[in-house]
Amino acid sequence: MRKIHIGLLPRIIIAIILGIAIGNLLPTPLVRLFITFNSIFSEFLNFSIPLIIVGLVTVAIADIGKGAGRMLLVTALIAYGATLFSGFLSYLTGAAIFPSLITPGAALSEVSEAQGVFPFFTIVIPPLMNVMTALILAFTLGLGLAALHSDALKNVARDFQDIIVRMIRVVILPLLPIYIFGIFLNMTHSGQVFHVLMVFIKIIGVIFLLHIFLLIFQYSIAALFVRRNPFRLLVRMLPAYFTALGTQSSAATIPVTLEQTKKNGVSADIAGFVIPLCATIHLSGSTLKIVACALALMIMQGMPHSFELFAGFIFMLGITMIAAPGVPGGAIMASLGILQSMLGFDESAQALMIALYIAMDSFGTACNVTGDGAIALIVDKLMGKGVSK
């Protein structure tokens, strides 16, 4: 018989529905069993975060650093600028709209304490280093590897990256639905779930509208360079957009993105350089989602969310996001470290961030790859190639 494969997003949706449906039906000992699992898994997640940063960011920076020339610098600066723009757009829009949509409630970490529901036991798994140490180590190793002429240490770094990607795919992502089930089971048992669900629905709607605006803005800027109709340029990229919706992977969509970009008149050599590079370093849609979700959860919990706090977070997020591996939800896994260290997210907030992010993963990836075509148009013009049609 043919094996039925259920994707990560359907499994998370099923976990949320089940957690809500039976949260008030299960006896407290069973609820405590899942809270115990969540306690152990969150410890493992905290242990893994520095390893994820070192394993993924090191190789990402080393690979970018290997390139040379003006085209690499121009493409990287435009991609980083676009990512920063989307982050600040998300924050400023959310800061203006979210307070009227979200009513602050109890901190997520207080949900279980309010009902006296605690795990049967806890296991402490200290991380090998803190998040900031991991980031600095990754930057130092990445830049050093880019300058080395030997491949010995680079191969070690790539093997370590493979181990981390396997850990995410084989351990973390398969266990995430159980972890999120436990979170919603606990929130339902504690009477907080309705408040959280209302936040989910409102935020998803706002983020989707922001994605549409961002793509129109990106192609309007590109149209100023190439003097073309921005909506015709954007419509020609729709096959890439819908391919990304299905694959949830920028890398898997590269052939379609490349073909549609060339149909927009970008020269083959520019498109062949910019599109694969931007699949790694340009994550405007993903950044927009993470900033909006983080801001919403902070408002919901009554946490401080000043512009100064988020400005530093967005600048660091733009760098960290290049480490996003080619797996569903990879961007949010790479950003957990700075969510924890810079915004103060605890395990419950991190779990909700993962659930919110993956619920919109397809749309964020589609926004990323479609925006790659706009960057290619700009780079093509700046490099003197021009648009052929």
Protein backbone atom coordinates (compact mmCIF):
# COMPACT_ATOMS: atom_id res chain seq x y z
CA MET A 1 0.00 0.00 0.00
CA ARG A 2 1.13 3.54 -0.73
CA LYS A 3 2.45 5.33 2.34
CA ILE A 4 0.52 8.51 3.17
CA HIS A 5 2.76 11.50 3.89
CA ILE A 6 1.34 14.29 6.06
CA GLY A 7 3.29 17.53 5.83
CA LEU A 8 4.52 19.57 8.76
CA LEU A 9 1.83 22.25 8.48
CA PRO A 10 -1.12 19.76 8.52
CA ARG A 11 0.45 17.98 11.51
CA ILE A 12 0.75 21.27 13.40
CA ILE A 13 -2.85 22.19 12.55
CA ILE A 14 -4.01 18.77 13.76
CA ALA A 15 -1.96 19.21 16.96
CA ILE A 16 -3.54 22.62 17.65
CA ILE A 17 -7.09 21.33 17.01
CA LEU A 18 -6.55 18.26 19.21
CA GLY A 19 -5.01 20.32 21.99
CA ILE A 20 -8.00 22.67 22.00
CA ALA A 21 -10.57 19.88 21.63
CA ILE A 22 -9.43 17.67 24.49
CA GLY A 23 -7.76 20.22 26.78
CA ASN A 24 -10.77 20.31 29.09
CA LEU A 25 -11.45 16.57 28.80
CA LEU A 26 -8.15 15.01 29.82
CA PRO A 27 -7.49 14.45 33.52
CA THR A 28 -4.70 16.51 35.11
CA PRO A 29 -2.20 13.58 35.28
CA LEU A 30 -2.32 13.20 31.48
CA VAL A 31 -1.94 16.94 31.03
CA ARG A 32 1.09 16.80 33.32
CA LEU A 33 2.54 14.01 31.13
CA PHE A 34 2.56 16.28 28.07
CA ILE A 35 3.84 19.20 30.14
CA THR A 36 6.72 16.95 31.23
CA PHE A 37 7.52 16.19 27.58
CA ASN A 38 7.38 19.91 26.78
CA SER A 39 9.74 20.67 29.65
CA ILE A 40 12.33 18.17 28.38
CA PHE A 41 11.91 19.20 24.72
CA SER A 42 12.28 22.90 25.53
CA GLU A 43 15.53 22.12 27.38
CA PHE A 44 16.79 20.24 24.32
CA LEU A 45 15.71 23.14 22.10
CA ASN A 46 17.65 25.61 24.28
CA PHE A 47 20.67 23.30 24.10
CA SER A 48 20.36 23.10 20.30
CA ILE A 49 20.01 26.82 19.55
CA PRO A 50 23.73 27.74 19.85
CA LEU A 51 24.64 24.64 17.81
CA ILE A 52 22.14 25.62 15.12
CA ILE A 53 23.65 29.10 14.93
CA VAL A 54 27.25 27.86 14.69
CA GLY A 55 26.41 25.05 12.28
CA LEU A 56 24.32 27.08 9.85
CA VAL A 57 25.60 30.67 10.04
CA THR A 58 29.28 29.68 9.75
CA VAL A 59 28.88 27.93 6.39
CA ALA A 60 26.42 30.53 5.08
CA ILE A 61 28.90 33.37 5.70
CA ALA A 62 31.81 31.33 4.34
CA ASP A 63 29.91 30.58 1.12
CA ILE A 64 28.98 34.23 0.57
CA GLY A 65 32.52 35.33 1.34
CA LYS A 66 33.93 33.01 -1.34
CA GLY A 67 32.35 35.12 -4.05
CA ALA A 68 34.17 38.18 -5.27
CA GLY A 69 33.52 41.27 -7.26
CA ARG A 70 31.15 44.16 -7.52
CA MET A 71 28.12 42.03 -8.44
CA LEU A 72 28.29 40.06 -5.21
CA LEU A 73 28.57 43.23 -3.12
CA VAL A 74 25.72 44.97 -4.95
CA THR A 75 23.41 41.94 -4.73
CA ALA A 76 24.16 41.33 -1.05
CA LEU A 77 23.59 44.99 -0.12
CA ILE A 78 20.30 45.18 -2.03
CA ALA A 79 19.09 41.89 -0.51
CA TYR A 80 20.04 42.98 2.99
CA GLY A 81 18.43 46.40 2.45
CA ALA A 82 15.23 44.74 1.22
CA THR A 83 15.20 42.45 4.24
CA LEU A 84 15.68 45.39 6.62
CA PHE A 85 12.93 47.35 4.88
CA SER A 86 10.47 44.48 5.30
CA GLY A 87 11.39 44.16 8.99
CA PHE A 88 10.86 47.85 9.73
CA LEU A 89 7.69 47.91 7.60
CA SER A 90 6.35 45.02 9.65
CA TYR A 91 7.26 46.64 12.97
CA LEU A 92 5.88 50.10 12.17
CA THR A 93 2.64 48.65 10.76
CA GLY A 94 2.24 46.30 13.70
CA ALA A 95 3.00 49.01 16.26
CA ALA A 96 0.25 51.15 14.70
CA ILE A 97 -2.39 48.42 14.25
CA PHE A 98 -1.80 45.59 16.73
CA PRO A 99 -2.59 47.48 19.97
CA SER A 100 -6.16 47.99 18.73
CA LEU A 101 -6.47 44.30 17.75
CA ILE A 102 -4.78 42.61 20.70
CA THR A 103 -5.76 42.77 24.35
CA PRO A 104 -2.79 42.15 26.67
CA GLY A 105 -3.24 39.07 28.85
CA ALA A 106 -1.25 36.88 31.22
CA ALA A 107 2.31 35.97 30.30
CA LEU A 108 2.48 32.58 28.59
CA SER A 109 4.94 31.34 31.18
CA GLU A 110 2.29 31.91 33.86
CA VAL A 111 -0.38 29.75 32.23
CA SER A 112 0.58 26.48 33.89
CA GLU A 113 1.40 28.15 37.20
CA ALA A 114 -2.08 29.68 37.33
CA GLN A 115 -3.63 26.22 37.44
CA GLY A 116 -0.94 24.54 39.50
CA VAL A 117 -0.06 22.16 36.63
CA PHE A 118 3.61 21.23 36.72
CA PRO A 119 5.71 18.52 35.02
CA PHE A 120 6.31 15.25 36.86
CA PHE A 121 10.05 15.91 36.67
CA THR A 122 12.49 18.15 34.85
CA ILE A 123 15.84 17.55 33.16
CA VAL A 124 18.30 20.42 32.86
CA ILE A 125 20.38 20.44 29.65
CA PRO A 126 22.69 23.48 29.77
CA PRO A 127 23.77 24.82 26.35
CA LEU A 128 27.48 24.70 25.52
CA MET A 129 27.54 28.50 25.07
CA ASN A 130 25.15 31.42 25.14
CA VAL A 131 23.54 32.77 21.99
CA MET A 132 25.74 35.85 21.57
CA THR A 133 28.91 33.75 21.93
CA ALA A 134 27.56 31.39 19.27
CA LEU A 135 26.83 34.29 16.90
CA ILE A 136 30.27 35.86 17.30
CA LEU A 137 31.94 32.44 16.92
CA ALA A 138 29.94 31.75 13.75
CA PHE A 139 30.81 35.14 12.23
CA THR A 140 34.50 34.71 13.10
CA LEU A 141 34.70 31.17 11.70
CA GLY A 142 32.68 32.06 8.61
CA LEU A 143 34.84 35.04 7.67
CA GLY A 144 38.00 33.06 8.44
CA LEU A 145 36.89 30.11 6.29
CA ALA A 146 36.09 32.47 3.42
CA ALA A 147 39.69 33.74 3.50
CA LEU A 148 41.37 30.30 3.78
CA HIS A 149 42.84 28.62 0.72
CA SER A 150 42.56 25.19 2.34
CA ASP A 151 39.29 23.23 2.27
CA ALA A 152 40.05 20.98 5.25
CA LEU A 153 38.32 23.07 7.91
CA LYS A 154 35.55 24.05 5.47
CA ASN A 155 34.73 20.38 4.96
CA VAL A 156 34.53 19.91 8.74
CA ALA A 157 32.17 22.91 8.95
CA ARG A 158 30.01 21.46 6.18
CA ASP A 159 29.85 18.08 7.92
CA PHE A 160 28.78 19.83 11.13
CA GLN A 161 26.16 21.75 9.12
CA ASP A 162 24.84 18.43 7.77
CA ILE A 163 24.56 17.10 11.32
CA ILE A 164 22.60 20.17 12.42
CA VAL A 165 20.27 20.03 9.40
CA ARG A 166 19.66 16.33 10.08
CA MET A 167 18.93 17.11 13.74
CA ILE A 168 16.36 19.70 12.66
CA ARG A 169 14.75 17.37 10.12
CA VAL A 170 14.86 14.10 12.08
CA VAL A 171 14.41 15.24 15.70
CA ILE A 172 13.13 18.79 16.11
CA LEU A 173 10.60 19.10 13.28
CA PRO A 174 8.97 15.67 13.84
CA LEU A 175 8.57 16.40 17.57
CA LEU A 176 7.29 19.95 17.07
CA PRO A 177 3.62 18.91 16.61
CA ILE A 178 3.70 17.05 19.95
CA TYR A 179 5.32 20.07 21.60
CA ILE A 180 2.73 22.46 20.15
CA PHE A 181 -0.05 20.02 21.08
CA GLY A 182 1.18 20.19 24.67
CA ILE A 183 1.25 24.00 24.58
CA PHE A 184 -2.36 24.26 23.37
CA LEU A 185 -3.48 21.44 25.64
CA ASN A 186 -2.08 23.37 28.58
CA MET A 187 -3.56 26.68 27.43
CA THR A 188 -6.99 25.10 26.98
CA HIS A 189 -6.72 23.46 30.40
CA SER A 190 -5.79 26.86 31.83
CA GLY A 191 -8.46 28.84 29.97
CA GLN A 192 -6.07 30.94 27.82
CA VAL A 193 -6.56 29.35 24.41
CA PHE A 194 -9.33 31.59 23.05
CA HIS A 195 -7.24 34.70 23.65
CA VAL A 196 -4.26 33.19 21.83
CA LEU A 197 -6.35 31.95 18.87
CA MET A 198 -7.81 35.41 18.31
CA VAL A 199 -4.26 36.75 18.10
CA PHE A 200 -3.39 34.04 15.54
CA ILE A 201 -6.28 34.88 13.23
CA LYS A 202 -5.75 38.65 13.33
CA ILE A 203 -2.01 38.47 12.81
CA ILE A 204 -2.21 36.05 9.88
CA GLY A 205 -4.63 38.40 8.09
CA VAL A 206 -2.43 41.47 8.62
CA ILE A 207 0.74 39.64 7.52
CA PHE A 208 -0.88 38.39 4.31
CA LEU A 209 -1.86 41.94 3.35
CA LEU A 210 1.65 43.16 4.18
CA HIS A 211 3.12 40.49 1.87
CA ILE A 212 1.01 41.73 -1.04
CA PHE A 213 2.01 45.35 -0.36
CA LEU A 214 5.70 44.38 -0.06
CA LEU A 215 5.75 42.64 -3.45
CA ILE A 216 4.02 45.57 -5.16
CA PHE A 217 6.50 47.97 -3.54
CA GLN A 218 9.54 45.87 -4.55
CA TYR A 219 8.44 45.70 -8.19
CA SER A 220 7.54 49.39 -8.20
CA ILE A 221 11.13 50.16 -7.15
CA ALA A 222 12.49 47.77 -9.80
CA ALA A 223 10.21 49.40 -12.39
CA LEU A 224 11.80 52.77 -11.65
CA PHE A 225 15.17 51.33 -12.68
CA VAL A 226 14.04 49.48 -15.80
CA ARG A 227 11.16 51.81 -16.77
CA ARG A 228 8.64 49.02 -17.14
CA ASN A 229 5.11 48.42 -15.84
CA PRO A 230 5.58 46.97 -12.30
CA PHE A 231 2.37 44.94 -12.42
CA ARG A 232 3.36 43.23 -15.69
CA LEU A 233 6.74 42.38 -14.18
CA LEU A 234 5.04 40.99 -11.07
CA VAL A 235 2.42 39.00 -12.98
CA ARG A 236 5.19 37.30 -15.00
CA MET A 237 6.69 36.05 -11.71
CA LEU A 238 3.45 34.40 -10.54
CA PRO A 239 4.54 30.88 -11.64
CA ALA A 240 7.46 31.18 -9.20
CA TYR A 241 5.11 32.48 -6.49
CA PHE A 242 2.72 29.54 -6.80
CA THR A 243 5.54 27.00 -7.14
CA ALA A 244 6.95 28.27 -3.83
CA LEU A 245 3.50 27.98 -2.24
CA GLY A 246 3.58 24.27 -3.04
CA THR A 247 7.23 23.46 -2.33
CA GLN A 248 7.76 25.73 0.73
CA SER A 249 11.39 25.93 -0.42
CA SER A 250 13.27 28.79 -2.09
CA ALA A 251 15.92 26.34 -3.32
CA ALA A 252 13.39 23.99 -4.93
CA THR A 253 11.80 26.94 -6.73
CA ILE A 254 15.08 28.25 -8.22
CA PRO A 255 14.53 26.73 -11.74
CA VAL A 256 11.11 28.39 -12.07
CA THR A 257 12.28 31.69 -10.54
CA LEU A 258 15.26 31.71 -12.91
CA GLU A 259 13.12 31.07 -16.00
CA GLN A 260 10.53 33.73 -15.14
CA THR A 261 13.24 36.26 -14.28
CA LYS A 262 14.80 35.79 -17.72
CA LYS A 263 11.33 36.24 -19.27
CA ASN A 264 11.24 39.62 -17.50
CA GLY A 265 14.28 40.57 -19.61
CA VAL A 266 17.14 39.96 -17.17
CA SER A 267 20.28 38.68 -18.90
CA ALA A 268 21.04 34.99 -18.40
CA ASP A 269 24.38 35.52 -16.63
CA ILE A 270 22.95 38.03 -14.15
CA ALA A 271 19.89 35.88 -13.46
CA GLY A 272 22.06 32.79 -13.05
CA PHE A 273 24.12 34.57 -10.38
CA VAL A 274 21.47 36.61 -8.54
CA ILE A 275 18.61 34.10 -8.25
CA PRO A 276 20.53 31.24 -6.54
CA LEU A 277 22.32 33.74 -4.26
CA CYS A 278 19.10 35.52 -3.27
CA ALA A 279 17.46 32.17 -2.52
CA THR A 280 19.87 32.09 0.43
CA ILE A 281 20.33 35.71 1.49
CA HIS A 282 17.07 37.46 0.59
CA LEU A 283 14.28 36.64 3.04
CA SER A 284 12.04 39.70 3.12
CA GLY A 285 8.83 37.68 3.48
CA SER A 286 10.23 35.54 6.28
CA THR A 287 11.59 38.58 8.14
CA LEU A 288 8.24 40.33 7.83
CA LYS A 289 6.49 37.33 9.39
CA ILE A 290 8.93 36.90 12.26
CA VAL A 291 8.88 40.58 13.24
CA ALA A 292 5.07 40.79 13.10
CA CYS A 293 4.56 37.55 15.06
CA ALA A 294 7.14 38.53 17.68
CA LEU A 295 5.58 41.98 18.13
CA ALA A 296 2.08 40.50 18.44
CA LEU A 297 3.12 37.99 21.10
CA MET A 298 4.99 40.69 23.04
CA ILE A 299 1.94 42.98 23.00
CA MET A 300 -0.25 40.07 24.05
CA GLN A 301 1.99 39.40 27.06
CA GLY A 302 2.42 43.07 27.98
CA MET A 303 6.17 42.97 27.24
CA PRO A 304 8.08 46.16 26.26
CA HIS A 305 8.41 46.48 22.48
CA SER A 306 10.13 49.80 21.81
CA PHE A 307 11.48 50.83 18.40
CA GLU A 308 15.04 50.79 19.75
CA LEU A 309 14.65 47.18 20.91
CA PHE A 310 13.25 46.01 17.59
CA ALA A 311 15.72 48.02 15.50
CA GLY A 312 18.63 46.03 16.93
CA PHE A 313 16.64 42.82 16.56
CA ILE A 314 15.84 43.51 12.88
CA PHE A 315 19.45 44.34 11.99
CA MET A 316 20.66 41.11 13.63
CA LEU A 317 17.77 39.10 12.14
CA GLY A 318 18.74 40.22 8.63
CA ILE A 319 22.15 38.61 9.13
CA THR A 320 20.98 35.51 10.98
CA MET A 321 18.34 34.67 8.37
CA ILE A 322 20.98 33.76 5.79
CA ALA A 323 21.49 30.62 7.88
CA ALA A 324 17.97 29.37 7.17
CA PRO A 325 18.35 25.78 5.91
CA GLY A 326 16.33 24.36 3.03
CA VAL A 327 13.69 22.77 5.26
CA PRO A 328 10.18 24.00 6.10
CA GLY A 329 10.39 26.39 9.03
CA GLY A 330 14.16 26.69 8.75
CA ALA A 331 14.13 30.48 9.07
CA ILE A 332 12.31 30.45 12.41
CA MET A 333 14.68 27.77 13.73
CA ALA A 334 17.68 29.94 12.81
CA SER A 335 16.14 32.99 14.51
CA LEU A 336 15.20 31.34 17.84
CA GLY A 337 18.51 32.37 19.37
CA ILE A 338 18.04 36.12 18.94
CA LEU A 339 14.34 35.87 19.83
CA GLN A 340 15.53 34.46 23.14
CA SER A 341 18.54 36.68 23.75
CA MET A 342 17.31 40.03 22.38
CA LEU A 343 13.54 39.92 22.93
CA GLY A 344 13.43 37.66 25.99
CA PHE A 345 11.19 34.93 24.53
CA ASP A 346 10.70 31.95 26.84
CA GLU A 347 9.90 28.39 25.74
CA SER A 348 6.12 28.95 25.44
CA ALA A 349 6.57 32.09 23.35
CA GLN A 350 9.10 30.29 21.13
CA ALA A 351 6.63 27.43 20.57
CA LEU A 352 3.89 29.85 19.53
CA MET A 353 6.32 31.68 17.25
CA ILE A 354 7.11 28.38 15.53
CA ALA A 355 3.41 27.55 15.14
CA LEU A 356 2.54 31.00 13.80
CA TYR A 357 5.50 31.02 11.42
CA ILE A 358 4.92 27.56 9.96
CA ALA A 359 1.21 28.32 9.53
CA MET A 360 2.31 30.97 7.00
CA ASP A 361 5.52 29.35 5.78
CA SER A 362 4.34 28.90 2.19
CA PHE A 363 3.34 32.55 1.81
CA GLY A 364 6.62 33.81 3.28
CA THR A 365 8.68 31.62 0.95
CA ALA A 366 6.58 32.72 -2.04
CA CYS A 367 7.18 36.36 -1.09
CA ASN A 368 10.94 35.70 -0.79
CA VAL A 369 11.39 34.07 -4.20
CA THR A 370 9.10 36.50 -6.04
CA GLY A 371 11.08 39.40 -4.60
CA ASP A 372 14.28 37.77 -5.92
CA GLY A 373 13.09 38.64 -9.40
CA ALA A 374 12.84 42.34 -8.49
CA ILE A 375 16.40 42.32 -7.12
CA ALA A 376 17.64 40.66 -10.31
CA LEU A 377 16.06 43.44 -12.39
CA ILE A 378 17.83 46.11 -10.33
CA VAL A 379 21.22 44.33 -10.38
CA ASP A 380 20.89 43.77 -14.13
CA LYS A 381 20.41 47.52 -14.67
CA LEU A 382 23.18 48.54 -12.27
CA MET A 383 25.64 46.15 -13.89
CA GLY A 384 25.02 47.87 -17.21
CA LYS A 385 23.29 44.93 -18.86
CA GLY A 386 19.90 46.62 -19.04
CA VAL A 387 16.60 44.91 -19.66
CA SER A 388 16.33 43.35 -23.09
CA LYS A 389 12.58 43.44 -23.40
